[in-house]
Amino acid sequence: QLQLMESGGGSVQAGGSLRLSCEVSGYSYRKNYCMGWFRQGLGKEREGVAALCPERGTTYANSVMGRFTISKDSAKNTLYLQMNNLKPEDTDMYYCGANFGGAVLTTTGWRPGGDIQWLGQGTQVTVSS
């Protein structure tokens, strides 16, 4: 069982930056999961933003390519999402997820290969114009 706790959200103006963090806790004998960031707004479908998987490496949604960077610090059990040049359309609730069957490429970026086994409570990002 994993517990995921996101932090780092907030309100910024367009062009600004934020770094989201996801602290991972809990025991599991399989620690090499795909980890990723997702976002979802009211009335919208959940979107895969960035994934970090053992086999594929990093994968991004087309809309964030070149602006967002996913990384992890294994010593701190923490996953990060560095978000630069933020746009109003990036406004959403951002969630950290783990073990979702890999990142399957799509025309808009990627989607989880299966159900997301563990998902955090989310952190709100609001970008004003």
N, C-alpha and C. Protein backbone atom coordinates (compact mmCIF):
# COMPACT_ATOMS: atom_id res chain seq x y z
N GLN A 1 0.85 -1.19 0.00
CA GLN A 1 0.00 0.00 0.00
C GLN A 1 0.88 1.24 0.00
N LEU A 2 0.63 2.13 -0.94
CA LEU A 2 1.38 3.38 -1.00
C LEU A 2 0.47 4.54 -0.60
N GLN A 3 1.07 5.54 -0.01
CA GLN A 3 0.38 6.80 0.24
C GLN A 3 1.11 7.89 -0.52
N LEU A 4 0.37 8.71 -1.21
CA LEU A 4 0.95 9.78 -2.01
C LEU A 4 0.41 11.11 -1.51
N MET A 5 1.31 12.05 -1.25
CA MET A 5 0.92 13.35 -0.72
C MET A 5 1.51 14.45 -1.58
N GLU A 6 0.65 15.17 -2.30
CA GLU A 6 1.11 16.25 -3.16
C GLU A 6 1.22 17.57 -2.39
N SER A 7 2.10 18.42 -2.86
CA SER A 7 2.22 19.78 -2.33
C SER A 7 2.83 20.66 -3.40
N GLY A 8 2.80 21.96 -3.17
CA GLY A 8 3.45 22.89 -4.08
C GLY A 8 2.53 23.64 -5.00
N GLY A 9 1.24 23.33 -4.97
CA GLY A 9 0.31 24.07 -5.81
C GLY A 9 0.13 25.50 -5.31
N GLY A 10 -0.55 26.30 -6.10
CA GLY A 10 -0.80 27.67 -5.71
C GLY A 10 -1.31 28.49 -6.87
N SER A 11 -1.29 29.80 -6.69
CA SER A 11 -1.76 30.72 -7.71
C SER A 11 -0.60 31.53 -8.24
N VAL A 12 -0.46 31.58 -9.55
CA VAL A 12 0.61 32.34 -10.19
C VAL A 12 0.06 33.05 -11.41
N GLN A 13 0.79 34.02 -11.88
CA GLN A 13 0.42 34.68 -13.12
C GLN A 13 1.00 33.91 -14.30
N ALA A 14 0.40 34.11 -15.45
CA ALA A 14 0.89 33.48 -16.66
C ALA A 14 2.37 33.80 -16.86
N GLY A 15 3.13 32.78 -17.26
CA GLY A 15 4.56 32.94 -17.42
C GLY A 15 5.35 32.54 -16.19
N GLY A 16 4.67 32.36 -15.08
CA GLY A 16 5.34 32.00 -13.84
C GLY A 16 5.65 30.52 -13.76
N SER A 17 6.22 30.12 -12.62
CA SER A 17 6.65 28.74 -12.41
C SER A 17 6.16 28.21 -11.06
N LEU A 18 5.98 26.93 -11.00
CA LEU A 18 5.69 26.23 -9.76
C LEU A 18 6.39 24.87 -9.81
N ARG A 19 6.73 24.35 -8.63
CA ARG A 19 7.24 22.98 -8.56
C ARG A 19 6.35 22.18 -7.62
N LEU A 20 5.75 21.16 -8.18
CA LEU A 20 4.92 20.26 -7.39
C LEU A 20 5.79 19.12 -6.85
N SER A 21 5.47 18.69 -5.64
CA SER A 21 6.15 17.57 -5.02
C SER A 21 5.13 16.50 -4.64
N CYS A 22 5.56 15.25 -4.70
CA CYS A 22 4.71 14.13 -4.30
C CYS A 22 5.55 13.23 -3.41
N GLU A 23 5.27 13.24 -2.11
CA GLU A 23 5.98 12.37 -1.19
C GLU A 23 5.30 11.00 -1.16
N VAL A 24 6.10 9.97 -1.32
CA VAL A 24 5.60 8.60 -1.40
C VAL A 24 5.98 7.86 -0.13
N SER A 25 5.02 7.24 0.51
CA SER A 25 5.31 6.46 1.71
C SER A 25 4.54 5.14 1.65
N GLY A 26 4.93 4.23 2.51
CA GLY A 26 4.27 2.93 2.54
C GLY A 26 5.19 1.85 2.00
N TYR A 27 4.97 0.65 2.43
CA TYR A 27 5.85 -0.44 2.05
C TYR A 27 5.31 -1.14 0.82
N SER A 28 6.19 -1.50 -0.07
CA SER A 28 5.83 -2.39 -1.16
C SER A 28 7.09 -3.09 -1.63
N TYR A 29 7.00 -4.36 -1.90
CA TYR A 29 8.17 -5.07 -2.35
C TYR A 29 8.53 -4.72 -3.78
N ARG A 30 7.59 -4.16 -4.53
CA ARG A 30 7.87 -3.74 -5.90
C ARG A 30 7.94 -2.22 -5.91
N LYS A 31 9.13 -1.68 -5.94
CA LYS A 31 9.28 -0.23 -5.82
C LYS A 31 9.53 0.44 -7.14
N ASN A 32 9.65 -0.30 -8.22
CA ASN A 32 9.97 0.32 -9.49
C ASN A 32 8.70 0.53 -10.30
N TYR A 33 7.77 1.31 -9.76
CA TYR A 33 6.52 1.57 -10.44
C TYR A 33 6.67 2.69 -11.45
N CYS A 34 5.77 2.71 -12.41
CA CYS A 34 5.55 3.93 -13.18
C CYS A 34 4.95 4.96 -12.22
N MET A 35 5.46 6.18 -12.26
CA MET A 35 4.93 7.27 -11.48
C MET A 35 4.54 8.37 -12.46
N GLY A 36 3.54 9.17 -12.09
CA GLY A 36 3.14 10.20 -13.02
C GLY A 36 2.32 11.30 -12.39
N TRP A 37 2.13 12.33 -13.14
CA TRP A 37 1.27 13.45 -12.75
C TRP A 37 0.08 13.52 -13.70
N PHE A 38 -1.07 13.74 -13.10
CA PHE A 38 -2.32 13.85 -13.84
C PHE A 38 -2.99 15.16 -13.45
N ARG A 39 -3.89 15.63 -14.26
CA ARG A 39 -4.66 16.81 -13.89
C ARG A 39 -6.09 16.66 -14.35
N GLN A 40 -6.97 17.30 -13.60
CA GLN A 40 -8.39 17.22 -13.91
C GLN A 40 -9.09 18.44 -13.36
N GLY A 41 -9.89 19.09 -14.18
CA GLY A 41 -10.71 20.21 -13.74
C GLY A 41 -12.16 19.80 -13.67
N LEU A 42 -12.98 20.67 -13.12
CA LEU A 42 -14.40 20.38 -12.98
C LEU A 42 -15.02 20.13 -14.36
N GLY A 43 -15.69 19.02 -14.49
CA GLY A 43 -16.36 18.70 -15.74
C GLY A 43 -15.44 18.22 -16.85
N LYS A 44 -14.17 18.02 -16.52
CA LYS A 44 -13.21 17.59 -17.54
C LYS A 44 -12.72 16.19 -17.26
N GLU A 45 -12.26 15.51 -18.29
CA GLU A 45 -11.65 14.19 -18.09
C GLU A 45 -10.25 14.35 -17.53
N ARG A 46 -9.83 13.34 -16.77
CA ARG A 46 -8.47 13.36 -16.24
C ARG A 46 -7.48 13.20 -17.38
N GLU A 47 -6.42 13.98 -17.33
CA GLU A 47 -5.41 13.99 -18.39
C GLU A 47 -4.05 13.59 -17.83
N GLY A 48 -3.35 12.77 -18.55
CA GLY A 48 -1.98 12.45 -18.17
C GLY A 48 -1.07 13.61 -18.53
N VAL A 49 -0.36 14.15 -17.56
CA VAL A 49 0.51 15.30 -17.80
C VAL A 49 1.94 14.83 -18.08
N ALA A 50 2.49 14.04 -17.17
CA ALA A 50 3.86 13.57 -17.32
C ALA A 50 4.01 12.23 -16.62
N ALA A 51 4.78 11.35 -17.22
CA ALA A 51 5.00 10.02 -16.64
C ALA A 51 6.49 9.73 -16.59
N LEU A 52 6.86 8.95 -15.59
CA LEU A 52 8.25 8.50 -15.45
C LEU A 52 8.19 7.00 -15.20
N CYS A 53 8.56 6.23 -16.21
CA CYS A 53 8.41 4.78 -16.14
C CYS A 53 9.77 4.10 -16.35
N PRO A 54 9.97 2.96 -15.69
CA PRO A 54 11.27 2.28 -15.80
C PRO A 54 11.63 1.92 -17.24
N GLU A 55 10.64 1.52 -18.04
CA GLU A 55 10.95 1.05 -19.39
C GLU A 55 11.08 2.21 -20.38
N ARG A 56 10.14 3.15 -20.33
CA ARG A 56 10.06 4.20 -21.35
C ARG A 56 10.80 5.48 -20.97
N GLY A 57 11.03 5.69 -19.70
CA GLY A 57 11.60 6.96 -19.27
C GLY A 57 10.50 7.99 -19.11
N THR A 58 10.73 9.21 -19.58
CA THR A 58 9.76 10.27 -19.40
C THR A 58 8.86 10.40 -20.62
N THR A 59 7.59 10.72 -20.36
CA THR A 59 6.61 10.96 -21.41
C THR A 59 5.76 12.15 -20.98
N TYR A 60 5.41 13.01 -21.93
CA TYR A 60 4.67 14.24 -21.60
C TYR A 60 3.46 14.41 -22.51
N ALA A 61 2.48 15.11 -21.98
CA ALA A 61 1.38 15.57 -22.83
C ALA A 61 1.94 16.60 -23.81
N ASN A 62 1.43 16.62 -25.01
CA ASN A 62 1.92 17.56 -26.01
C ASN A 62 1.78 19.00 -25.51
N SER A 63 0.74 19.28 -24.76
CA SER A 63 0.47 20.65 -24.32
C SER A 63 1.48 21.17 -23.31
N VAL A 64 2.26 20.29 -22.69
CA VAL A 64 3.23 20.73 -21.68
C VAL A 64 4.67 20.47 -22.10
N MET A 65 4.85 19.83 -23.25
CA MET A 65 6.19 19.50 -23.73
C MET A 65 7.04 20.77 -23.80
N GLY A 66 8.24 20.69 -23.25
CA GLY A 66 9.15 21.82 -23.28
C GLY A 66 8.94 22.81 -22.14
N ARG A 67 7.85 22.67 -21.39
CA ARG A 67 7.58 23.58 -20.27
C ARG A 67 7.62 22.87 -18.92
N PHE A 68 7.21 21.62 -18.90
CA PHE A 68 7.15 20.84 -17.65
C PHE A 68 8.25 19.78 -17.68
N THR A 69 8.76 19.47 -16.48
CA THR A 69 9.77 18.42 -16.34
C THR A 69 9.43 17.56 -15.14
N ILE A 70 9.34 16.25 -15.38
CA ILE A 70 9.10 15.31 -14.29
C ILE A 70 10.43 14.71 -13.85
N SER A 71 10.60 14.54 -12.55
CA SER A 71 11.83 13.95 -12.03
C SER A 71 11.52 13.31 -10.68
N LYS A 72 12.47 12.54 -10.19
CA LYS A 72 12.29 11.93 -8.86
C LYS A 72 13.60 11.92 -8.10
N ASP A 73 13.46 11.95 -6.80
CA ASP A 73 14.60 11.82 -5.90
C ASP A 73 14.34 10.55 -5.10
N SER A 74 14.98 9.45 -5.48
CA SER A 74 14.71 8.17 -4.84
C SER A 74 15.10 8.18 -3.37
N ALA A 75 16.15 8.91 -3.03
CA ALA A 75 16.59 8.97 -1.63
C ALA A 75 15.53 9.62 -0.74
N LYS A 76 14.77 10.55 -1.32
CA LYS A 76 13.73 11.25 -0.57
C LYS A 76 12.35 10.68 -0.83
N ASN A 77 12.26 9.64 -1.68
CA ASN A 77 10.96 9.07 -2.05
C ASN A 77 10.00 10.15 -2.51
N THR A 78 10.48 11.02 -3.36
CA THR A 78 9.68 12.15 -3.80
C THR A 78 9.71 12.29 -5.31
N LEU A 79 8.55 12.53 -5.87
CA LEU A 79 8.39 12.79 -7.31
C LEU A 79 8.12 14.27 -7.47
N TYR A 80 8.68 14.87 -8.51
CA TYR A 80 8.52 16.30 -8.73
C TYR A 80 7.92 16.57 -10.11
N LEU A 81 7.30 17.74 -10.22
CA LEU A 81 6.89 18.26 -11.51
C LEU A 81 7.25 19.74 -11.54
N GLN A 82 8.30 20.08 -12.26
CA GLN A 82 8.68 21.47 -12.45
C GLN A 82 7.87 22.05 -13.60
N MET A 83 7.13 23.10 -13.32
CA MET A 83 6.25 23.70 -14.32
C MET A 83 6.71 25.13 -14.59
N ASN A 84 7.16 25.38 -15.80
CA ASN A 84 7.62 26.71 -16.21
C ASN A 84 6.71 27.28 -17.28
N ASN A 85 6.76 28.60 -17.45
CA ASN A 85 5.97 29.28 -18.46
C ASN A 85 4.50 28.82 -18.39
N LEU A 86 3.95 28.91 -17.21
CA LEU A 86 2.59 28.45 -17.00
C LEU A 86 1.58 29.30 -17.77
N LYS A 87 0.53 28.65 -18.21
CA LYS A 87 -0.52 29.30 -18.98
C LYS A 87 -1.86 29.15 -18.25
N PRO A 88 -2.81 30.03 -18.51
CA PRO A 88 -4.12 29.91 -17.85
C PRO A 88 -4.76 28.54 -18.07
N GLU A 89 -4.52 27.95 -19.23
CA GLU A 89 -5.11 26.63 -19.51
C GLU A 89 -4.47 25.51 -18.70
N ASP A 90 -3.40 25.80 -17.96
CA ASP A 90 -2.81 24.81 -17.06
C ASP A 90 -3.54 24.76 -15.72
N THR A 91 -4.50 25.66 -15.52
CA THR A 91 -5.26 25.67 -14.27
C THR A 91 -6.05 24.38 -14.12
N ASP A 92 -5.80 23.67 -13.04
CA ASP A 92 -6.44 22.38 -12.78
C ASP A 92 -6.04 21.90 -11.40
N MET A 93 -6.66 20.81 -10.97
CA MET A 93 -6.20 20.06 -9.82
C MET A 93 -5.19 19.04 -10.34
N TYR A 94 -4.02 19.00 -9.72
CA TYR A 94 -2.96 18.10 -10.15
C TYR A 94 -2.81 16.96 -9.14
N TYR A 95 -2.72 15.74 -9.67
CA TYR A 95 -2.64 14.55 -8.85
C TYR A 95 -1.38 13.76 -9.19
N CYS A 96 -0.82 13.15 -8.16
CA CYS A 96 0.29 12.24 -8.32
C CYS A 96 -0.28 10.81 -8.33
N GLY A 97 0.19 9.99 -9.25
CA GLY A 97 -0.30 8.62 -9.33
C GLY A 97 0.83 7.63 -9.48
N ALA A 98 0.56 6.39 -9.09
CA ALA A 98 1.57 5.34 -9.19
C ALA A 98 0.95 4.03 -9.66
N ASN A 99 1.73 3.30 -10.43
CA ASN A 99 1.37 1.97 -10.92
C ASN A 99 0.11 2.00 -11.76
N PHE A 100 0.26 2.38 -13.00
CA PHE A 100 -0.89 2.53 -13.89
C PHE A 100 -0.68 1.83 -15.22
N GLY A 101 0.16 0.80 -15.24
CA GLY A 101 0.30 -0.02 -16.44
C GLY A 101 1.09 0.62 -17.56
N GLY A 102 1.94 1.55 -17.21
CA GLY A 102 2.79 2.15 -18.22
C GLY A 102 2.15 3.35 -18.90
N ALA A 103 2.90 4.01 -19.76
CA ALA A 103 2.42 5.19 -20.49
C ALA A 103 2.25 4.81 -21.95
N VAL A 104 1.02 4.86 -22.42
CA VAL A 104 0.70 4.50 -23.80
C VAL A 104 0.62 5.78 -24.62
N LEU A 105 1.38 5.87 -25.69
CA LEU A 105 1.40 7.09 -26.50
C LEU A 105 0.08 7.28 -27.23
N THR A 106 -0.35 8.54 -27.29
CA THR A 106 -1.56 8.92 -28.02
C THR A 106 -1.25 10.13 -28.89
N THR A 107 -2.23 10.60 -29.63
CA THR A 107 -2.01 11.77 -30.48
C THR A 107 -1.82 13.04 -29.67
N THR A 108 -2.30 13.05 -28.44
CA THR A 108 -2.17 14.24 -27.59
C THR A 108 -1.08 14.09 -26.52
N GLY A 109 -0.44 12.95 -26.50
CA GLY A 109 0.63 12.74 -25.51
C GLY A 109 0.67 11.31 -25.05
N TRP A 110 -0.06 11.02 -23.95
CA TRP A 110 -0.05 9.66 -23.43
C TRP A 110 -1.25 9.46 -22.52
N ARG A 111 -1.51 8.21 -22.25
CA ARG A 111 -2.54 7.84 -21.30
C ARG A 111 -2.04 6.65 -20.49
N PRO A 112 -2.60 6.43 -19.30
CA PRO A 112 -2.21 5.25 -18.54
C PRO A 112 -2.59 3.96 -19.28
N GLY A 113 -1.75 2.93 -19.15
CA GLY A 113 -2.05 1.66 -19.77
C GLY A 113 -3.13 0.87 -19.05
N GLY A 114 -3.44 1.26 -17.82
CA GLY A 114 -4.47 0.59 -17.03
C GLY A 114 -4.99 1.50 -15.96
N ASP A 115 -5.70 0.92 -15.01
CA ASP A 115 -6.20 1.72 -13.88
C ASP A 115 -5.03 2.24 -13.05
N ILE A 116 -5.21 3.40 -12.46
CA ILE A 116 -4.21 3.98 -11.57
C ILE A 116 -4.41 3.37 -10.19
N GLN A 117 -3.42 2.58 -9.74
CA GLN A 117 -3.60 1.87 -8.49
C GLN A 117 -3.61 2.80 -7.29
N TRP A 118 -2.71 3.78 -7.30
CA TRP A 118 -2.64 4.72 -6.19
C TRP A 118 -2.65 6.14 -6.70
N LEU A 119 -3.47 6.99 -6.10
CA LEU A 119 -3.62 8.38 -6.52
C LEU A 119 -3.69 9.25 -5.28
N GLY A 120 -2.99 10.39 -5.31
CA GLY A 120 -3.02 11.29 -4.17
C GLY A 120 -4.29 12.12 -4.13
N GLN A 121 -4.35 13.03 -3.14
CA GLN A 121 -5.54 13.86 -2.95
C GLN A 121 -5.55 15.07 -3.86
N GLY A 122 -4.41 15.42 -4.42
CA GLY A 122 -4.35 16.52 -5.37
C GLY A 122 -3.91 17.83 -4.77
N THR A 123 -3.40 18.69 -5.62
CA THR A 123 -3.02 20.05 -5.24
C THR A 123 -3.46 20.98 -6.36
N GLN A 124 -4.07 22.11 -6.00
CA GLN A 124 -4.66 23.01 -6.98
C GLN A 124 -3.61 23.94 -7.56
N VAL A 125 -3.63 24.08 -8.87
CA VAL A 125 -2.79 25.04 -9.58
C VAL A 125 -3.71 26.01 -10.31
N THR A 126 -3.53 27.29 -10.06
CA THR A 126 -4.35 28.32 -10.70
C THR A 126 -3.43 29.33 -11.37
N VAL A 127 -3.62 29.53 -12.66
CA VAL A 127 -2.79 30.45 -13.43
C VAL A 127 -3.68 31.56 -13.97
N SER A 128 -3.37 32.79 -13.61
CA SER A 128 -4.17 33.93 -14.06
C SER A 128 -3.48 34.63 -15.21
N SER A 129 -4.28 35.23 -16.08
CA SER A 129 -3.72 35.89 -17.26
C SER A 129 -3.37 37.34 -16.97
